[in-house]
Amino acid sequence: NPIVDGFGLIAMIALAPIIFVMLLGVYIRFIGGRN
């Protein structure tokens, strides 16, 4: 389904930075310290 798969890809692209930036925030909070 071009509509579902095409626009679904954009939804996943929008989700990707949210997860990865927040994972970076988790790393900074518990492992990376405040440097």
Full PDB file with SEQRES, HELIX, SHEET, SSBOND, CRYST1, ORIGX, SCALE, CONECT and MASTER records, all heavy atoms in Angstrom:
SEQRES   1 A   35  ASN PRO ILE VAL ASP GLY PHE GLY LEU ILE ALA MET ILE          
SEQRES   2 A   35  ALA LEU ALA PRO ILE ILE PHE VAL MET LEU LEU GLY VAL          
SEQRES   3 A   35  TYR ILE ARG PHE ILE GLY GLY ARG ASN                          
HELIX    1 AA1 PRO A    2  TYR A   27  1                                  26    
HELIX    2 AA2 ILE A   28  GLY A   32  3                                   5    
CRYST1    1.000    1.000    1.000  90.00  90.00  90.00 P 1           1          
ORIGX1      1.000000  0.000000  0.000000        0.00000                         
ORIGX2      0.000000  1.000000  0.000000        0.00000                         
ORIGX3      0.000000  0.000000  1.000000        0.00000                         
SCALE1      1.000000  0.000000  0.000000        0.00000                         
SCALE2      0.000000  1.000000  0.000000        0.00000                         
SCALE3      0.000000  0.000000  1.000000        0.00000                         
ATOM      1  N   ASN A   1       0.858  -1.184   0.000  1.00  0.00           N  
ATOM      2  CA  ASN A   1       0.000   0.000   0.000  1.00  0.00           C  
ATOM      3  C   ASN A   1       0.894   1.234   0.000  1.00  0.00           C  
ATOM      4  O   ASN A   1       1.491   1.557   1.026  1.00  0.00           O  
ATOM      5  CB  ASN A   1      -0.918  -0.004   1.222  1.00  0.00           C  
ATOM      6  CG  ASN A   1      -1.950   1.106   1.177  1.00  0.00           C  
ATOM      7  OD1 ASN A   1      -1.735   2.155   0.586  1.00  0.00           O  
ATOM      8  ND2 ASN A   1      -3.103   0.868   1.790  1.00  0.00           N  
ATOM      9  N   PRO A   2       1.015   1.917  -1.150  1.00  0.00           N  
ATOM     10  CA  PRO A   2       1.939   3.061  -1.223  1.00  0.00           C  
ATOM     11  C   PRO A   2       1.646   4.144  -0.197  1.00  0.00           C  
ATOM     12  O   PRO A   2       2.564   4.780   0.327  1.00  0.00           O  
ATOM     13  CB  PRO A   2       1.730   3.582  -2.652  1.00  0.00           C  
ATOM     14  CG  PRO A   2       1.212   2.413  -3.417  1.00  0.00           C  
ATOM     15  CD  PRO A   2       0.386   1.637  -2.439  1.00  0.00           C  
ATOM     16  N   ILE A   3       0.372   4.374   0.111  1.00  0.00           N  
ATOM     17  CA  ILE A   3       0.026   5.429   1.070  1.00  0.00           C  
ATOM     18  C   ILE A   3       0.470   5.052   2.467  1.00  0.00           C  
ATOM     19  O   ILE A   3       1.133   5.819   3.167  1.00  0.00           O  
ATOM     20  CB  ILE A   3      -1.488   5.711   1.041  1.00  0.00           C  
ATOM     21  CG1 ILE A   3      -1.890   6.284  -0.321  1.00  0.00           C  
ATOM     22  CG2 ILE A   3      -1.874   6.674   2.163  1.00  0.00           C  
ATOM     23  CD1 ILE A   3      -3.366   6.549  -0.466  1.00  0.00           C  
ATOM     24  N   VAL A   4       0.139   3.846   2.896  1.00  0.00           N  
ATOM     25  CA  VAL A   4       0.496   3.398   4.249  1.00  0.00           C  
ATOM     26  C   VAL A   4       2.004   3.288   4.396  1.00  0.00           C  
ATOM     27  O   VAL A   4       2.590   3.782   5.361  1.00  0.00           O  
ATOM     28  CB  VAL A   4      -0.174   2.045   4.565  1.00  0.00           C  
ATOM     29  CG1 VAL A   4       0.342   1.499   5.901  1.00  0.00           C  
ATOM     30  CG2 VAL A   4      -1.685   2.202   4.615  1.00  0.00           C  
ATOM     31  N   ASP A   5       2.655   2.661   3.424  1.00  0.00           N  
ATOM     32  CA  ASP A   5       4.096   2.432   3.523  1.00  0.00           C  
ATOM     33  C   ASP A   5       4.894   3.716   3.319  1.00  0.00           C  
ATOM     34  O   ASP A   5       5.917   3.928   3.973  1.00  0.00           O  
ATOM     35  CB  ASP A   5       4.530   1.379   2.495  1.00  0.00           C  
ATOM     36  CG  ASP A   5       3.928   0.010   2.788  1.00  0.00           C  
ATOM     37  OD1 ASP A   5       3.819  -0.322   3.982  1.00  0.00           O  
ATOM     38  OD2 ASP A   5       3.556  -0.694   1.848  1.00  0.00           O  
ATOM     39  N   GLY A   6       4.430   4.587   2.428  1.00  0.00           N  
ATOM     40  CA  GLY A   6       5.138   5.834   2.183  1.00  0.00           C  
ATOM     41  C   GLY A   6       5.072   6.780   3.362  1.00  0.00           C  
ATOM     42  O   GLY A   6       6.091   7.239   3.881  1.00  0.00           O  
ATOM     43  N   PHE A   7       3.856   7.057   3.828  1.00  0.00           N  
ATOM     44  CA  PHE A   7       3.717   7.971   4.948  1.00  0.00           C  
ATOM     45  C   PHE A   7       4.114   7.304   6.260  1.00  0.00           C  
ATOM     46  O   PHE A   7       4.511   7.982   7.208  1.00  0.00           O  
ATOM     47  CB  PHE A   7       2.280   8.493   5.018  1.00  0.00           C  
ATOM     48  CG  PHE A   7       1.967   9.477   3.934  1.00  0.00           C  
ATOM     49  CD1 PHE A   7       1.364   9.072   2.756  1.00  0.00           C  
ATOM     50  CD2 PHE A   7       2.311  10.810   4.073  1.00  0.00           C  
ATOM     51  CE1 PHE A   7       1.096   9.967   1.741  1.00  0.00           C  
ATOM     52  CE2 PHE A   7       2.043  11.724   3.062  1.00  0.00           C  
ATOM     53  CZ  PHE A   7       1.437  11.297   1.895  1.00  0.00           C  
ATOM     54  N   GLY A   8       4.021   5.988   6.326  1.00  0.00           N  
ATOM     55  CA  GLY A   8       4.499   5.289   7.517  1.00  0.00           C  
ATOM     56  C   GLY A   8       5.997   5.444   7.704  1.00  0.00           C  
ATOM     57  O   GLY A   8       6.495   5.534   8.831  1.00  0.00           O  
ATOM     58  N   LEU A   9       6.730   5.521   6.587  1.00  0.00           N  
ATOM     59  CA  LEU A   9       8.176   5.732   6.664  1.00  0.00           C  
ATOM     60  C   LEU A   9       8.490   7.083   7.288  1.00  0.00           C  
ATOM     61  O   LEU A   9       9.398   7.200   8.121  1.00  0.00           O  
ATOM     62  CB  LEU A   9       8.789   5.640   5.264  1.00  0.00           C  
ATOM     63  CG  LEU A   9      10.283   5.987   5.164  1.00  0.00           C  
ATOM     64  CD1 LEU A   9      11.110   4.974   5.946  1.00  0.00           C  
ATOM     65  CD2 LEU A   9      10.738   6.037   3.720  1.00  0.00           C  
ATOM     66  N   ILE A  10       7.734   8.118   6.929  1.00  0.00           N  
ATOM     67  CA  ILE A  10       7.963   9.440   7.495  1.00  0.00           C  
ATOM     68  C   ILE A  10       7.676   9.438   8.991  1.00  0.00           C  
ATOM     69  O   ILE A  10       8.382  10.082   9.774  1.00  0.00           O  
ATOM     70  CB  ILE A  10       7.094  10.494   6.778  1.00  0.00           C  
ATOM     71  CG1 ILE A  10       7.434  10.522   5.289  1.00  0.00           C  
ATOM     72  CG2 ILE A  10       7.298  11.870   7.386  1.00  0.00           C  
ATOM     73  CD1 ILE A  10       8.891  10.759   4.990  1.00  0.00           C  
ATOM     74  N   ALA A  11       6.649   8.702   9.413  1.00  0.00           N  
ATOM     75  CA  ALA A  11       6.361   8.593  10.844  1.00  0.00           C  
ATOM     76  C   ALA A  11       7.517   7.933  11.587  1.00  0.00           C  
ATOM     77  O   ALA A  11       7.866   8.339  12.705  1.00  0.00           O  
ATOM     78  CB  ALA A  11       5.077   7.792  11.061  1.00  0.00           C  
ATOM     79  N   MET A  12       8.135   6.950  10.969  1.00  0.00           N  
ATOM     80  CA  MET A  12       9.268   6.275  11.592  1.00  0.00           C  
ATOM     81  C   MET A  12      10.502   7.164  11.607  1.00  0.00           C  
ATOM     82  O   MET A  12      11.285   7.139  12.571  1.00  0.00           O  
ATOM     83  CB  MET A  12       9.550   4.957  10.870  1.00  0.00           C  
ATOM     84  CG  MET A  12       8.429   3.937  11.025  1.00  0.00           C  
ATOM     85  SD  MET A  12       8.729   2.405  10.134  1.00  0.00           S  
ATOM     86  CE  MET A  12      10.117   1.751  11.032  1.00  0.00           C  
ATOM     87  N   ILE A  13      10.686   7.963  10.551  1.00  0.00           N  
ATOM     88  CA  ILE A  13      11.806   8.897  10.538  1.00  0.00           C  
ATOM     89  C   ILE A  13      11.634   9.943  11.631  1.00  0.00           C  
ATOM     90  O   ILE A  13      12.603  10.361  12.273  1.00  0.00           O  
ATOM     91  CB  ILE A  13      11.928   9.565   9.150  1.00  0.00           C  
ATOM     92  CG1 ILE A  13      12.361   8.531   8.103  1.00  0.00           C  
ATOM     93  CG2 ILE A  13      12.919  10.726   9.177  1.00  0.00           C  
ATOM     94  CD1 ILE A  13      12.397   9.065   6.685  1.00  0.00           C  
ATOM     95  N   ALA A  14      10.397  10.374  11.868  1.00  0.00           N  
ATOM     96  CA  ALA A  14      10.137  11.340  12.937  1.00  0.00           C  
ATOM     97  C   ALA A  14      10.377  10.724  14.315  1.00  0.00           C  
ATOM     98  O   ALA A  14      10.773  11.423  15.257  1.00  0.00           O  
ATOM     99  CB  ALA A  14       8.705  11.856  12.833  1.00  0.00           C  
ATOM    100  N   LEU A  15      10.138   9.430  14.441  1.00  0.00           N  
ATOM    101  CA  LEU A  15      10.334   8.748  15.723  1.00  0.00           C  
ATOM    102  C   LEU A  15      11.804   8.496  16.024  1.00  0.00           C  
ATOM    103  O   LEU A  15      12.226   8.536  17.196  1.00  0.00           O  
ATOM    104  CB  LEU A  15       9.564   7.417  15.712  1.00  0.00           C  
ATOM    105  CG  LEU A  15       9.715   6.497  16.926  1.00  0.00           C  
ATOM    106  CD1 LEU A  15       9.210   7.191  18.191  1.00  0.00           C  
ATOM    107  CD2 LEU A  15       8.967   5.188  16.688  1.00  0.00           C  
ATOM    108  N   ALA A  16      12.597   8.271  14.992  1.00  0.00           N  
ATOM    109  CA  ALA A  16      14.002   7.894  15.176  1.00  0.00           C  
ATOM    110  C   ALA A  16      14.810   8.894  15.989  1.00  0.00           C  
ATOM    111  O   ALA A  16      15.473   8.509  16.971  1.00  0.00           O  
ATOM    112  CB  ALA A  16      14.659   7.663  13.805  1.00  0.00           C  
ATOM    113  N   PRO A  17      14.808  10.193  15.661  1.00  0.00           N  
ATOM    114  CA  PRO A  17      15.595  11.138  16.461  1.00  0.00           C  
ATOM    115  C   PRO A  17      15.127  11.236  17.905  1.00  0.00           C  
ATOM    116  O   PRO A  17      15.939  11.451  18.810  1.00  0.00           O  
ATOM    117  CB  PRO A  17      15.388  12.473  15.728  1.00  0.00           C  
ATOM    118  CG  PRO A  17      14.946  12.106  14.364  1.00  0.00           C  
ATOM    119  CD  PRO A  17      14.161  10.864  14.522  1.00  0.00           C  
ATOM    120  N   ILE A  18      13.808  11.087  18.115  1.00  0.00           N  
ATOM    121  CA  ILE A  18      13.288  11.160  19.480  1.00  0.00           C  
ATOM    122  C   ILE A  18      13.925  10.082  20.338  1.00  0.00           C  
ATOM    123  O   ILE A  18      14.421  10.347  21.442  1.00  0.00           O  
ATOM    124  CB  ILE A  18      11.752  11.019  19.483  1.00  0.00           C  
ATOM    125  CG1 ILE A  18      11.113  12.162  18.691  1.00  0.00           C  
ATOM    126  CG2 ILE A  18      11.214  10.999  20.911  1.00  0.00           C  
ATOM    127  CD1 ILE A  18       9.607  12.036  18.534  1.00  0.00           C  
ATOM    128  N   ILE A  19      13.937   8.852  19.833  1.00  0.00           N  
ATOM    129  CA  ILE A  19      14.485   7.734  20.600  1.00  0.00           C  
ATOM    130  C   ILE A  19      15.995   7.881  20.781  1.00  0.00           C  
ATOM    131  O   ILE A  19      16.522   7.749  21.895  1.00  0.00           O  
ATOM    132  CB  ILE A  19      14.145   6.398  19.912  1.00  0.00           C  
ATOM    133  CG1 ILE A  19      12.642   6.113  20.018  1.00  0.00           C  
ATOM    134  CG2 ILE A  19      14.950   5.248  20.527  1.00  0.00           C  
ATOM    135  CD1 ILE A  19      12.203   4.836  19.356  1.00  0.00           C  
ATOM    136  N   PHE A  20      16.685   8.200  19.717  1.00  0.00           N  
ATOM    137  CA  PHE A  20      18.155   8.229  19.804  1.00  0.00           C  
ATOM    138  C   PHE A  20      18.660   9.404  20.636  1.00  0.00           C  
ATOM    139  O   PHE A  20      19.629   9.264  21.386  1.00  0.00           O  
ATOM    140  CB  PHE A  20      18.756   8.258  18.395  1.00  0.00           C  
ATOM    141  CG  PHE A  20      18.979   6.888  17.826  1.00  0.00           C  
ATOM    142  CD1 PHE A  20      17.904   6.076  17.506  1.00  0.00           C  
ATOM    143  CD2 PHE A  20      20.254   6.397  17.620  1.00  0.00           C  
ATOM    144  CE1 PHE A  20      18.097   4.807  16.984  1.00  0.00           C  
ATOM    145  CE2 PHE A  20      20.463   5.126  17.111  1.00  0.00           C  
ATOM    146  CZ  PHE A  20      19.381   4.326  16.793  1.00  0.00           C  
ATOM    147  N   VAL A  21      18.026  10.565  20.535  1.00  0.00           N  
ATOM    148  CA  VAL A  21      18.447  11.706  21.347  1.00  0.00           C  
ATOM    149  C   VAL A  21      18.133  11.445  22.815  1.00  0.00           C  
ATOM    150  O   VAL A  21      18.919  11.788  23.702  1.00  0.00           O  
ATOM    151  CB  VAL A  21      17.768  13.004  20.858  1.00  0.00           C  
ATOM    152  CG1 VAL A  21      18.054  14.157  21.812  1.00  0.00           C  
ATOM    153  CG2 VAL A  21      18.273  13.361  19.464  1.00  0.00           C  
ATOM    154  N   MET A  22      17.003  10.813  23.094  1.00  0.00           N  
ATOM    155  CA  MET A  22      16.667  10.499  24.485  1.00  0.00           C  
ATOM    156  C   MET A  22      17.586   9.413  25.046  1.00  0.00           C  
ATOM    157  O   MET A  22      17.932   9.440  26.231  1.00  0.00           O  
ATOM    158  CB  MET A  22      15.198  10.094  24.595  1.00  0.00           C  
ATOM    159  CG  MET A  22      14.249  11.251  24.330  1.00  0.00           C  
ATOM    160  SD  MET A  22      12.503  10.818  24.475  1.00  0.00           S  
ATOM    161  CE  MET A  22      12.349  10.688  26.248  1.00  0.00           C  
ATOM    162  N   LEU A  23      17.991   8.479  24.209  1.00  0.00           N  
ATOM    163  CA  LEU A  23      18.978   7.489  24.659  1.00  0.00           C  
ATOM    164  C   LEU A  23      20.299   8.172  24.994  1.00  0.00           C  
ATOM    165  O   LEU A  23      20.973   7.803  25.968  1.00  0.00           O  
ATOM    166  CB  LEU A  23      19.189   6.424  23.578  1.00  0.00           C  
ATOM    167  CG  LEU A  23      18.070   5.392  23.412  1.00  0.00           C  
ATOM    168  CD1 LEU A  23      18.355   4.498  22.203  1.00  0.00           C  
ATOM    169  CD2 LEU A  23      17.932   4.529  24.670  1.00  0.00           C  
ATOM    170  N   LEU A  24      20.658   9.172  24.199  1.00  0.00           N  
ATOM    171  CA  LEU A  24      21.851   9.958  24.510  1.00  0.00           C  
ATOM    172  C   LEU A  24      21.672  10.677  25.838  1.00  0.00           C  
ATOM    173  O   LEU A  24      22.604  10.750  26.649  1.00  0.00           O  
ATOM    174  CB  LEU A  24      22.112  10.964  23.388  1.00  0.00           C  
ATOM    175  CG  LEU A  24      23.312  11.905  23.566  1.00  0.00           C  
ATOM    176  CD1 LEU A  24      24.621  11.111  23.651  1.00  0.00           C  
ATOM    177  CD2 LEU A  24      23.366  12.924  22.433  1.00  0.00           C  
ATOM    178  N   GLY A  25      20.459  11.192  26.089  1.00  0.00           N  
ATOM    179  CA  GLY A  25      20.178  11.847  27.362  1.00  0.00           C  
ATOM    180  C   GLY A  25      20.256  10.897  28.537  1.00  0.00           C  
ATOM    181  O   GLY A  25      20.721  11.272  29.628  1.00  0.00           O  
ATOM    182  N   VAL A  26      19.828   9.658  28.345  1.00  0.00           N  
ATOM    183  CA  VAL A  26      19.942   8.639  29.406  1.00  0.00           C  
ATOM    184  C   VAL A  26      21.410   8.339  29.685  1.00  0.00           C  
ATOM    185  O   VAL A  26      21.835   8.223  30.848  1.00  0.00           O  
ATOM    186  CB  VAL A  26      19.189   7.352  28.996  1.00  0.00           C  
ATOM    187  CG1 VAL A  26      19.464   6.230  30.003  1.00  0.00           C  
ATOM    188  CG2 VAL A  26      17.697   7.624  28.904  1.00  0.00           C  
ATOM    189  N   TYR A  27      22.181   8.228  28.621  1.00  0.00           N  
ATOM    190  CA  TYR A  27      23.620   7.968  28.784  1.00  0.00           C  
ATOM    191  C   TYR A  27      24.295   9.105  29.556  1.00  0.00           C  
ATOM    192  O   TYR A  27      25.088   8.862  30.468  1.00  0.00           O  
ATOM    193  CB  TYR A  27      24.270   7.807  27.411  1.00  0.00           C  
ATOM    194  CG  TYR A  27      25.782   7.738  27.465  1.00  0.00           C  
ATOM    195  CD1 TYR A  27      26.422   6.550  27.784  1.00  0.00           C  
ATOM    196  CD2 TYR A  27      26.561   8.873  27.212  1.00  0.00           C  
ATOM    197  CE1 TYR A  27      27.812   6.479  27.849  1.00  0.00           C  
ATOM    198  CE2 TYR A  27      27.942   8.814  27.273  1.00  0.00           C  
ATOM    199  CZ  TYR A  27      28.557   7.616  27.594  1.00  0.00           C  
ATOM    200  OH  TYR A  27      29.924   7.563  27.671  1.00  0.00           O  
ATOM    201  N   ILE A  28      23.971  10.339  29.194  1.00  0.00           N  
ATOM    202  CA  ILE A  28      24.583  11.492  29.864  1.00  0.00           C  
ATOM    203  C   ILE A  28      24.196  11.529  31.332  1.00  0.00           C  
ATOM    204  O   ILE A  28      25.010  11.834  32.204  1.00  0.00           O  
ATOM    205  CB  ILE A  28      24.161  12.798  29.162  1.00  0.00           C  
ATOM    206  CG1 ILE A  28      24.666  12.816  27.725  1.00  0.00           C  
ATOM    207  CG2 ILE A  28      24.677  14.016  29.923  1.00  0.00           C  
ATOM    208  CD1 ILE A  28      26.153  12.641  27.592  1.00  0.00           C  
ATOM    209  N   ARG A  29      22.952  11.193  31.610  1.00  0.00           N  
ATOM    210  CA  ARG A  29      22.460  11.289  32.988  1.00  0.00           C  
ATOM    211  C   ARG A  29      23.091  10.250  33.899  1.00  0.00           C  
ATOM    212  O   ARG A  29      23.453  10.546  35.045  1.00  0.00           O  
ATOM    213  CB  ARG A  29      20.934  11.136  32.996  1.00  0.00           C  
ATOM    214  CG  ARG A  29      20.323  11.255  34.392  1.00  0.00           C  
ATOM    215  CD  ARG A  29      18.824  11.135  34.330  1.00  0.00           C  
ATOM    216  NE  ARG A  29      18.246  11.234  35.664  1.00  0.00           N  
ATOM    217  CZ  ARG A  29      16.943  11.113  35.912  1.00  0.00           C  
ATOM    218  NH1 ARG A  29      16.089  10.900  34.919  1.00  0.00           N  
ATOM    219  NH2 ARG A  29      16.495  11.208  37.152  1.00  0.00           N  
ATOM    220  N   PHE A  30      23.253   9.022  33.419  1.00  0.00           N  
ATOM    221  CA  PHE A  30      23.688   7.945  34.301  1.00  0.00           C  
ATOM    222  C   PHE A  30      25.137   7.521  34.103  1.00  0.00           C  
ATOM    223  O   PHE A  30      25.724   6.910  34.986  1.00  0.00           O  
ATOM    224  CB  PHE A  30      22.775   6.712  34.097  1.00  0.00           C  
ATOM    225  CG  PHE A  30      21.370   6.943  34.577  1.00  0.00           C  
ATOM    226  CD1 PHE A  30      20.367   7.232  33.679  1.00  0.00           C  
ATOM    227  CD2 PHE A  30      21.060   6.897  35.931  1.00  0.00           C  
ATOM    228  CE1 PHE A  30      19.066   7.441  34.113  1.00  0.00           C  
ATOM    229  CE2 PHE A  30      19.768   7.106  36.374  1.00  0.00           C  
ATOM    230  CZ  PHE A  30      18.767   7.379  35.459  1.00  0.00           C  
ATOM    231  N   ILE A  31      25.704   7.801  32.919  1.00  0.00           N  
ATOM    232  CA  ILE A  31      27.054   7.298  32.634  1.00  0.00           C  
ATOM    233  C   ILE A  31      28.018   8.426  32.313  1.00  0.00           C  
ATOM    234  O   ILE A  31      29.118   8.486  32.831  1.00  0.00           O  
ATOM    235  CB  ILE A  31      27.025   6.280  31.468  1.00  0.00           C  
ATOM    236  CG1 ILE A  31      26.098   5.101  31.809  1.00  0.00           C  
ATOM    237  CG2 ILE A  31      28.423   5.779  31.157  1.00  0.00           C  
ATOM    238  CD1 ILE A  31      25.885   4.123  30.678  1.00  0.00           C  
ATOM    239  N   GLY A  32      27.590   9.330  31.432  1.00  0.00           N  
ATOM    240  CA  GLY A  32      28.501  10.331  30.918  1.00  0.00           C  
ATOM    241  C   GLY A  32      28.832  11.452  31.879  1.00  0.00           C  
ATOM    242  O   GLY A  32      29.762  12.208  31.650  1.00  0.00           O  
ATOM    243  N   GLY A  33      28.022  11.617  32.946  1.00  0.00           N  
ATOM    244  CA  GLY A  33      28.275  12.694  33.886  1.00  0.00           C  
ATOM    245  C   GLY A  33      27.867  14.019  33.300  1.00  0.00           C  
ATOM    246  O   GLY A  33      27.132  14.111  32.318  1.00  0.00           O  
ATOM    247  N   ARG A  34      28.343  15.107  33.877  1.00  0.00           N  
ATOM    248  CA  ARG A  34      27.982  16.455  33.442  1.00  0.00           C  
ATOM    249  C   ARG A  34      29.108  17.161  32.688  1.00  0.00           C  
ATOM    250  O   ARG A  34      29.138  18.359  32.554  1.00  0.00           O  
ATOM    251  CB  ARG A  34      27.595  17.304  34.651  1.00  0.00           C  
ATOM    252  CG  ARG A  34      26.447  16.739  35.466  1.00  0.00           C  
ATOM    253  CD  ARG A  34      25.180  16.618  34.653  1.00  0.00           C  
ATOM    254  NE  ARG A  34      24.706  17.917  34.181  1.00  0.00           N  
ATOM    255  CZ  ARG A  34      23.607  18.068  33.476  1.00  0.00           C  
ATOM    256  NH1 ARG A  34      22.874  17.024  33.121  1.00  0.00           N  
ATOM    257  NH2 ARG A  34      23.230  19.285  33.117  1.00  0.00           N  
ATOM    258  N   ASN A  35      30.057  16.384  32.163  1.00  0.00           N  
ATOM    259  CA  ASN A  35      31.130  16.969  31.349  1.00  0.00           C  
ATOM    260  C   ASN A  35      30.576  17.324  29.972  1.00  0.00           C  
ATOM    261  O   ASN A  35      29.508  16.864  29.570  1.00  0.00           O  
ATOM    262  CB  ASN A  35      32.304  16.002  31.199  1.00  0.00           C  
ATOM    263  CG  ASN A  35      32.961  15.704  32.536  1.00  0.00           C  
ATOM    264  OD1 ASN A  35      33.064  16.600  33.393  1.00  0.00           O  
ATOM    265  ND2 ASN A  35      33.375  14.465  32.730  1.00  0.00           N  
TER     266      ASN A  35                                                      
MASTER        0    0    0    2    0    0    0    6  265    1    0    3          
END                                                                             
